[in-house]
Protein backbone atom coordinates (compact mmCIF):
# COMPACT_ATOMS: atom_id res chain seq x y z
CA UNK A 1 24.62 12.24 -2.88
CA UNK A 2 24.35 14.22 -5.84
CA UNK A 3 22.84 11.11 -7.95
CA UNK A 4 20.30 10.52 -5.21
CA UNK A 5 19.13 14.15 -5.40
CA UNK A 6 19.04 14.12 -9.15
CA UNK A 7 16.97 10.77 -8.81
CA UNK A 8 14.61 12.18 -6.44
CA UNK A 9 14.12 15.48 -8.75
CA UNK A 10 13.74 13.55 -12.06
CA UNK A 11 11.69 10.95 -10.76
CA UNK A 12 9.36 13.14 -8.48
CA UNK A 13 8.84 15.34 -11.49
CA UNK A 14 8.09 12.64 -13.86
CA UNK A 15 5.80 11.05 -11.21
CA UNK A 16 4.01 14.19 -11.01
CA UNK A 17 3.66 14.64 -14.61
CA UNK A 18 2.19 10.96 -15.61
CA UNK A 19 0.02 11.13 -12.27
CA UNK A 20 -1.51 14.43 -13.64
CA UNK A 21 -2.05 12.76 -17.19
CA UNK A 22 -3.39 9.75 -15.59
CA UNK A 23 -5.67 11.78 -13.66
CA UNK A 24 -7.04 13.28 -16.70
CA UNK A 25 -7.72 9.93 -18.70
CA UNK A 26 -10.42 7.34 -17.91
CA UNK A 27 -10.51 5.02 -15.95
CA UNK A 28 -8.85 6.71 -12.88
CA UNK A 29 -6.70 3.44 -12.21
CA UNK A 30 -4.51 4.71 -15.10
CA UNK A 31 -3.26 7.18 -12.57
CA UNK A 32 -1.28 4.60 -10.55
CA UNK A 33 -0.12 2.84 -13.69
CA UNK A 34 1.29 5.82 -15.27
CA UNK A 35 2.76 7.36 -12.13
CA UNK A 36 4.98 4.33 -11.55
CA UNK A 37 6.93 2.70 -14.54
CA UNK A 38 7.57 5.97 -16.77
CA UNK A 39 8.82 7.90 -14.06
CA UNK A 40 11.28 5.26 -12.79
CA UNK A 41 12.18 4.56 -16.57
CA UNK A 42 13.06 8.04 -17.08
CA UNK A 43 15.01 8.56 -13.89
CA UNK A 44 16.93 5.25 -14.63
CA UNK A 45 17.77 6.49 -18.22
CA UNK A 46 18.96 9.99 -17.01
CA UNK A 47 21.41 8.57 -14.52
CA UNK A 48 22.56 5.89 -17.17
CA UNK A 49 22.95 8.50 -19.75
CA UNK A 50 24.93 10.72 -17.52
CA UNK A 51 27.33 7.68 -16.06
CA UNK A 52 27.68 5.38 -18.85
CA UNK A 53 27.24 7.42 -22.22
CA UNK A 54 24.71 7.50 -25.08
CA UNK A 55 25.41 3.85 -26.29
CA UNK A 56 24.63 2.20 -23.00
CA UNK A 57 21.58 4.36 -22.36
CA UNK A 58 20.40 3.60 -25.80
CA UNK A 59 20.54 -0.15 -25.07
CA UNK A 60 18.84 0.27 -21.81
CA UNK A 61 15.91 2.27 -23.64
CA UNK A 62 15.59 -0.14 -26.21
CA UNK A 63 15.43 -3.11 -23.63
CA UNK A 64 12.87 -1.09 -21.62
CA UNK A 65 10.82 -1.05 -24.72
CA UNK A 66 11.25 -4.39 -25.72
CA UNK A 67 10.31 -5.27 -21.99
CA UNK A 68 7.13 -3.18 -22.14
CA UNK A 69 5.83 -5.19 -25.47
CA UNK A 70 6.36 -8.46 -23.48
CA UNK A 71 4.66 -7.37 -20.44
CA UNK A 72 1.60 -6.09 -22.66
CA UNK A 73 1.49 -9.39 -24.34
CA UNK A 74 1.40 -11.20 -20.84
CA UNK A 75 -1.38 -8.58 -19.60
CA UNK A 76 -3.32 -9.15 -22.80
CA UNK A 77 -3.08 -12.89 -22.39
CA UNK A 78 -4.23 -12.83 -18.82
CA UNK A 79 -7.09 -10.57 -19.48
CA UNK A 80 -8.17 -12.65 -22.33
CA UNK A 81 -8.11 -15.74 -20.39
CA UNK A 82 -9.82 -14.45 -17.13
CA UNK A 83 -12.08 -12.16 -18.93
CA UNK A 84 -13.05 -13.38 -22.34
CA UNK A 85 -13.10 -17.12 -21.55
CA UNK A 86 -15.41 -17.68 -18.58
CA UNK A 87 -14.83 -21.56 -18.68
CA UNK A 88 -10.69 -20.94 -18.11
CA UNK A 89 -11.52 -18.53 -15.00
CA UNK A 90 -14.04 -21.32 -13.60
CA UNK A 91 -11.53 -24.10 -13.95
CA UNK A 92 -8.45 -22.28 -12.96
CA UNK A 93 -7.50 -20.06 -10.19
CA UNK A 94 -6.47 -16.39 -10.76
CA UNK A 95 -2.94 -17.40 -9.34
CA UNK A 96 -2.90 -20.48 -11.64
CA UNK A 97 -3.43 -18.34 -15.05
CA UNK A 98 -1.08 -15.41 -13.88
CA UNK A 99 1.70 -17.79 -12.76
CA UNK A 100 1.44 -19.88 -15.86
CA UNK A 101 1.27 -16.72 -17.98
CA UNK A 102 4.79 -15.54 -16.54
CA UNK A 103 6.16 -17.97 -18.90
CA UNK A 104 4.80 -15.96 -21.89
CA UNK A 105 6.31 -12.99 -20.58
CA UNK A 106 9.62 -14.24 -20.03
CA UNK A 107 9.78 -16.06 -23.37
CA UNK A 108 8.50 -13.03 -25.13
CA UNK A 109 11.12 -10.87 -23.50
CA UNK A 110 14.02 -13.13 -24.03
CA UNK A 111 12.75 -13.75 -27.83
CA UNK A 112 12.57 -10.00 -28.41
CA UNK A 113 15.89 -9.42 -27.03
CA UNK A 114 17.30 -12.13 -29.13
CA UNK A 115 15.55 -10.73 -32.04
CA UNK A 116 16.36 -7.10 -31.77
CA UNK A 117 19.55 -6.62 -29.50
CA UNK A 118 21.60 -9.72 -30.42
CA UNK A 119 21.78 -9.51 -34.28
């Protein structure tokens, strides 16, 4: 029960902070983006630190950062294919582009994991 209360307090506080930050930034769609992922990550890392210790929390944090880079690559690829290349968006559906780009996300995440964490 303490863990749930702690998760609620940390997550709620982080959501409020990042939502306020996103509200200040332009465009307003940043509010939703900044409200979810960072707050969940902070709550998860806080609980991991308490339950598992520094070493495991450090590994989790590194994994989150690497996954964030992989997601950025995926998002950039999808935006590039659909927005910058009109011929791609005319020939393929959004679902096809997004689904096929998931391979890049998984490959980048696994590649970064292997390079950085499995030395």
